[in-house]
Amino acid sequence: MKKIVFSLILCISFISWKSSDIVKVSYYHDKYHGRKSANGERFDQTKHTCAANNFDFGTHLCITNKENGKSVEVIVTDRLAKKYKNRIDLSKNAFRKIASLNKGIINAEVEEL
């Protein structure tokens, strides 16, 4: 019974995470540059891509920094570890468009395009 209840709560939490929610956004470490991402492509820090668990590969997202209003469009090409719920990792180039790399993690709005 506990497993059923947990599964239902988990499903509802994924369904309730809609576009334009506030999430934590960070960027990939340099060690991942050139490695294969979950969709099979090589990760490239210079492209506008991201890792996200709640969107399908190929989904276009608009990420808007809540602090300064700057936005960037990215494509989902990778996944994060399951423990990172409501978080997105951007390529360095994409993150740099909306925030200083010194910030590390920012609060941002995510909108599915």
C-alpha atoms as a PDB file:
ATOM      1  CA  MET A   1       0.000   0.000   0.000  1.00  0.00           C
ATOM      2  CA  LYS A   2       2.833   2.405   0.875  1.00  0.00           C
ATOM      3  CA  LYS A   3       4.429   1.753  -2.525  1.00  0.00           C
ATOM      4  CA  ILE A   4       1.166   2.578  -4.312  1.00  0.00           C
ATOM      5  CA  VAL A   5       0.717   5.826  -2.384  1.00  0.00           C
ATOM      6  CA  PHE A   6       4.352   6.804  -2.992  1.00  0.00           C
ATOM      7  CA  SER A   7       3.994   6.052  -6.712  1.00  0.00           C
ATOM      8  CA  LEU A   8       0.860   8.179  -6.952  1.00  0.00           C
ATOM      9  CA  ILE A   9       2.538  11.088  -5.169  1.00  0.00           C
ATOM     10  CA  LEU A  10       5.549  10.788  -7.452  1.00  0.00           C
ATOM     11  CA  CYS A  11       3.351  10.794 -10.582  1.00  0.00           C
ATOM     12  CA  ILE A  12       1.359  13.793  -9.366  1.00  0.00           C
ATOM     13  CA  SER A  13       4.564  15.725  -8.624  1.00  0.00           C
ATOM     14  CA  PHE A  14       5.796  15.192 -12.215  1.00  0.00           C
ATOM     15  CA  ILE A  15       2.426  16.150 -13.677  1.00  0.00           C
ATOM     16  CA  SER A  16       2.166  19.264 -11.509  1.00  0.00           C
ATOM     17  CA  TRP A  17       5.599  20.570 -12.629  1.00  0.00           C
ATOM     18  CA  LYS A  18       4.373  22.809 -15.402  1.00  0.00           C
ATOM     19  CA  SER A  19       6.137  25.166 -17.730  1.00  0.00           C
ATOM     20  CA  SER A  20       6.944  28.589 -16.304  1.00  0.00           C
ATOM     21  CA  ASP A  21       7.771  27.159 -12.884  1.00  0.00           C
ATOM     22  CA  ILE A  22      10.718  28.482 -10.872  1.00  0.00           C
ATOM     23  CA  VAL A  23      13.673  26.089 -10.816  1.00  0.00           C
ATOM     24  CA  LYS A  24      17.312  26.105  -9.789  1.00  0.00           C
ATOM     25  CA  VAL A  25      19.607  26.502 -12.791  1.00  0.00           C
ATOM     26  CA  SER A  26      23.334  25.792 -12.892  1.00  0.00           C
ATOM     27  CA  TYR A  27      25.844  24.888 -15.591  1.00  0.00           C
ATOM     28  CA  TYR A  28      27.909  21.870 -16.597  1.00  0.00           C
ATOM     29  CA  HIS A  29      31.441  21.388 -15.321  1.00  0.00           C
ATOM     30  CA  ASP A  30      34.149  21.513 -17.999  1.00  0.00           C
ATOM     31  CA  LYS A  31      34.932  17.815 -17.496  1.00  0.00           C
ATOM     32  CA  TYR A  32      31.712  16.931 -19.386  1.00  0.00           C
ATOM     33  CA  HIS A  33      32.737  18.785 -22.570  1.00  0.00           C
ATOM     34  CA  GLY A  34      33.035  16.204 -25.351  1.00  0.00           C
ATOM     35  CA  ARG A  35      31.424  13.380 -23.389  1.00  0.00           C
ATOM     36  CA  LYS A  36      28.382  11.568 -24.695  1.00  0.00           C
ATOM     37  CA  SER A  37      25.105  12.918 -23.315  1.00  0.00           C
ATOM     38  CA  ALA A  38      22.010  10.822 -22.601  1.00  0.00           C
ATOM     39  CA  ASN A  39      20.579  11.401 -26.083  1.00  0.00           C
ATOM     40  CA  GLY A  40      23.768  10.013 -27.667  1.00  0.00           C
ATOM     41  CA  GLU A  41      25.251  13.317 -28.893  1.00  0.00           C
ATOM     42  CA  ARG A  42      28.557  14.737 -27.705  1.00  0.00           C
ATOM     43  CA  PHE A  43      28.122  17.537 -25.163  1.00  0.00           C
ATOM     44  CA  ASP A  44      29.471  20.908 -26.304  1.00  0.00           C
ATOM     45  CA  GLN A  45      29.848  23.826 -23.852  1.00  0.00           C
ATOM     46  CA  THR A  46      29.509  26.308 -26.735  1.00  0.00           C
ATOM     47  CA  LYS A  47      25.995  25.210 -27.792  1.00  0.00           C
ATOM     48  CA  HIS A  48      22.721  26.185 -26.141  1.00  0.00           C
ATOM     49  CA  THR A  49      21.756  22.856 -24.595  1.00  0.00           C
ATOM     50  CA  CYS A  50      20.657  21.648 -21.185  1.00  0.00           C
ATOM     51  CA  ALA A  51      20.049  18.654 -18.958  1.00  0.00           C
ATOM     52  CA  ALA A  52      16.557  18.327 -17.503  1.00  0.00           C
ATOM     53  CA  ASN A  53      14.626  15.414 -16.043  1.00  0.00           C
ATOM     54  CA  ASN A  54      11.106  16.728 -16.616  1.00  0.00           C
ATOM     55  CA  PHE A  55      11.202  17.344 -20.374  1.00  0.00           C
ATOM     56  CA  ASP A  56      11.690  15.089 -23.397  1.00  0.00           C
ATOM     57  CA  PHE A  57      14.868  15.199 -25.472  1.00  0.00           C
ATOM     58  CA  GLY A  58      14.614  17.837 -28.170  1.00  0.00           C
ATOM     59  CA  THR A  59      12.250  20.062 -26.183  1.00  0.00           C
ATOM     60  CA  HIS A  60      12.968  23.765 -26.616  1.00  0.00           C
ATOM     61  CA  LEU A  61      12.934  25.709 -23.345  1.00  0.00           C
ATOM     62  CA  CYS A  62      13.161  29.401 -22.537  1.00  0.00           C
ATOM     63  CA  ILE A  63      15.123  29.935 -19.306  1.00  0.00           C
ATOM     64  CA  THR A  64      14.671  33.383 -17.708  1.00  0.00           C
ATOM     65  CA  ASN A  65      16.867  34.572 -14.836  1.00  0.00           C
ATOM     66  CA  LYS A  66      14.493  35.872 -12.136  1.00  0.00           C
ATOM     67  CA  GLU A  67      17.092  38.339 -10.853  1.00  0.00           C
ATOM     68  CA  ASN A  68      17.826  40.256 -14.066  1.00  0.00           C
ATOM     69  CA  GLY A  69      15.136  39.172 -16.550  1.00  0.00           C
ATOM     70  CA  LYS A  70      17.633  37.881 -19.151  1.00  0.00           C
ATOM     71  CA  SER A  71      16.530  34.835 -21.162  1.00  0.00           C
ATOM     72  CA  VAL A  72      18.111  32.113 -23.270  1.00  0.00           C
ATOM     73  CA  GLU A  73      16.578  29.409 -25.448  1.00  0.00           C
ATOM     74  CA  VAL A  74      18.011  25.906 -25.027  1.00  0.00           C
ATOM     75  CA  ILE A  75      17.319  22.362 -26.207  1.00  0.00           C
ATOM     76  CA  VAL A  76      17.121  19.393 -23.826  1.00  0.00           C
ATOM     77  CA  THR A  77      19.854  16.889 -24.744  1.00  0.00           C
ATOM     78  CA  ASP A  78      20.737  15.274 -21.418  1.00  0.00           C
ATOM     79  CA  ARG A  79      19.430  14.083 -18.045  1.00  0.00           C
ATOM     80  CA  LEU A  80      20.454  14.891 -14.485  1.00  0.00           C
ATOM     81  CA  ALA A  81      20.823  12.482 -11.603  1.00  0.00           C
ATOM     82  CA  LYS A  82      17.393  11.517 -10.248  1.00  0.00           C
ATOM     83  CA  LYS A  83      18.070  13.324  -6.974  1.00  0.00           C
ATOM     84  CA  TYR A  84      18.005  16.694  -8.794  1.00  0.00           C
ATOM     85  CA  LYS A  85      14.320  17.480  -9.041  1.00  0.00           C
ATOM     86  CA  ASN A  86      13.270  20.893 -10.336  1.00  0.00           C
ATOM     87  CA  ARG A  87      16.774  21.670 -11.534  1.00  0.00           C
ATOM     88  CA  ILE A  88      18.292  22.302 -14.947  1.00  0.00           C
ATOM     89  CA  ASP A  89      21.949  22.340 -15.984  1.00  0.00           C
ATOM     90  CA  LEU A  90      22.820  24.611 -18.909  1.00  0.00           C
ATOM     91  CA  SER A  91      25.873  24.590 -21.124  1.00  0.00           C
ATOM     92  CA  LYS A  92      28.344  27.292 -20.039  1.00  0.00           C
ATOM     93  CA  ASN A  93      27.622  29.378 -23.124  1.00  0.00           C
ATOM     94  CA  ALA A  94      23.867  29.376 -22.399  1.00  0.00           C
ATOM     95  CA  PHE A  95      24.352  30.128 -18.685  1.00  0.00           C
ATOM     96  CA  ARG A  96      26.705  33.006 -19.523  1.00  0.00           C
ATOM     97  CA  LYS A  97      23.899  34.651 -21.557  1.00  0.00           C
ATOM     98  CA  ILE A  98      21.708  35.035 -18.461  1.00  0.00           C
ATOM     99  CA  ALA A  99      24.124  35.224 -15.508  1.00  0.00           C
ATOM    100  CA  SER A 100      27.742  35.478 -14.461  1.00  0.00           C
ATOM    101  CA  LEU A 101      29.495  32.128 -14.079  1.00  0.00           C
ATOM    102  CA  ASN A 102      30.434  33.318 -10.575  1.00  0.00           C
ATOM    103  CA  LYS A 103      26.776  32.896  -9.546  1.00  0.00           C
ATOM    104  CA  GLY A 104      26.924  29.109  -9.894  1.00  0.00           C
ATOM    105  CA  ILE A 105      23.224  28.502  -9.241  1.00  0.00           C
ATOM    106  CA  ILE A 106      20.375  30.896  -9.987  1.00  0.00           C
ATOM    107  CA  ASN A 107      16.598  30.892  -9.685  1.00  0.00           C
ATOM    108  CA  ALA A 108      15.000  30.938 -13.099  1.00  0.00           C
ATOM    109  CA  GLU A 109      11.649  30.567 -14.777  1.00  0.00           C
ATOM    110  CA  VAL A 110      11.314  27.750 -17.296  1.00  0.00           C
ATOM    111  CA  GLU A 111       8.889  27.928 -20.183  1.00  0.00           C
ATOM    112  CA  GLU A 112       8.384  25.168 -22.718  1.00  0.00           C
ATOM    113  CA  LEU A 113       8.358  26.551 -26.263  1.00  0.00           C
END
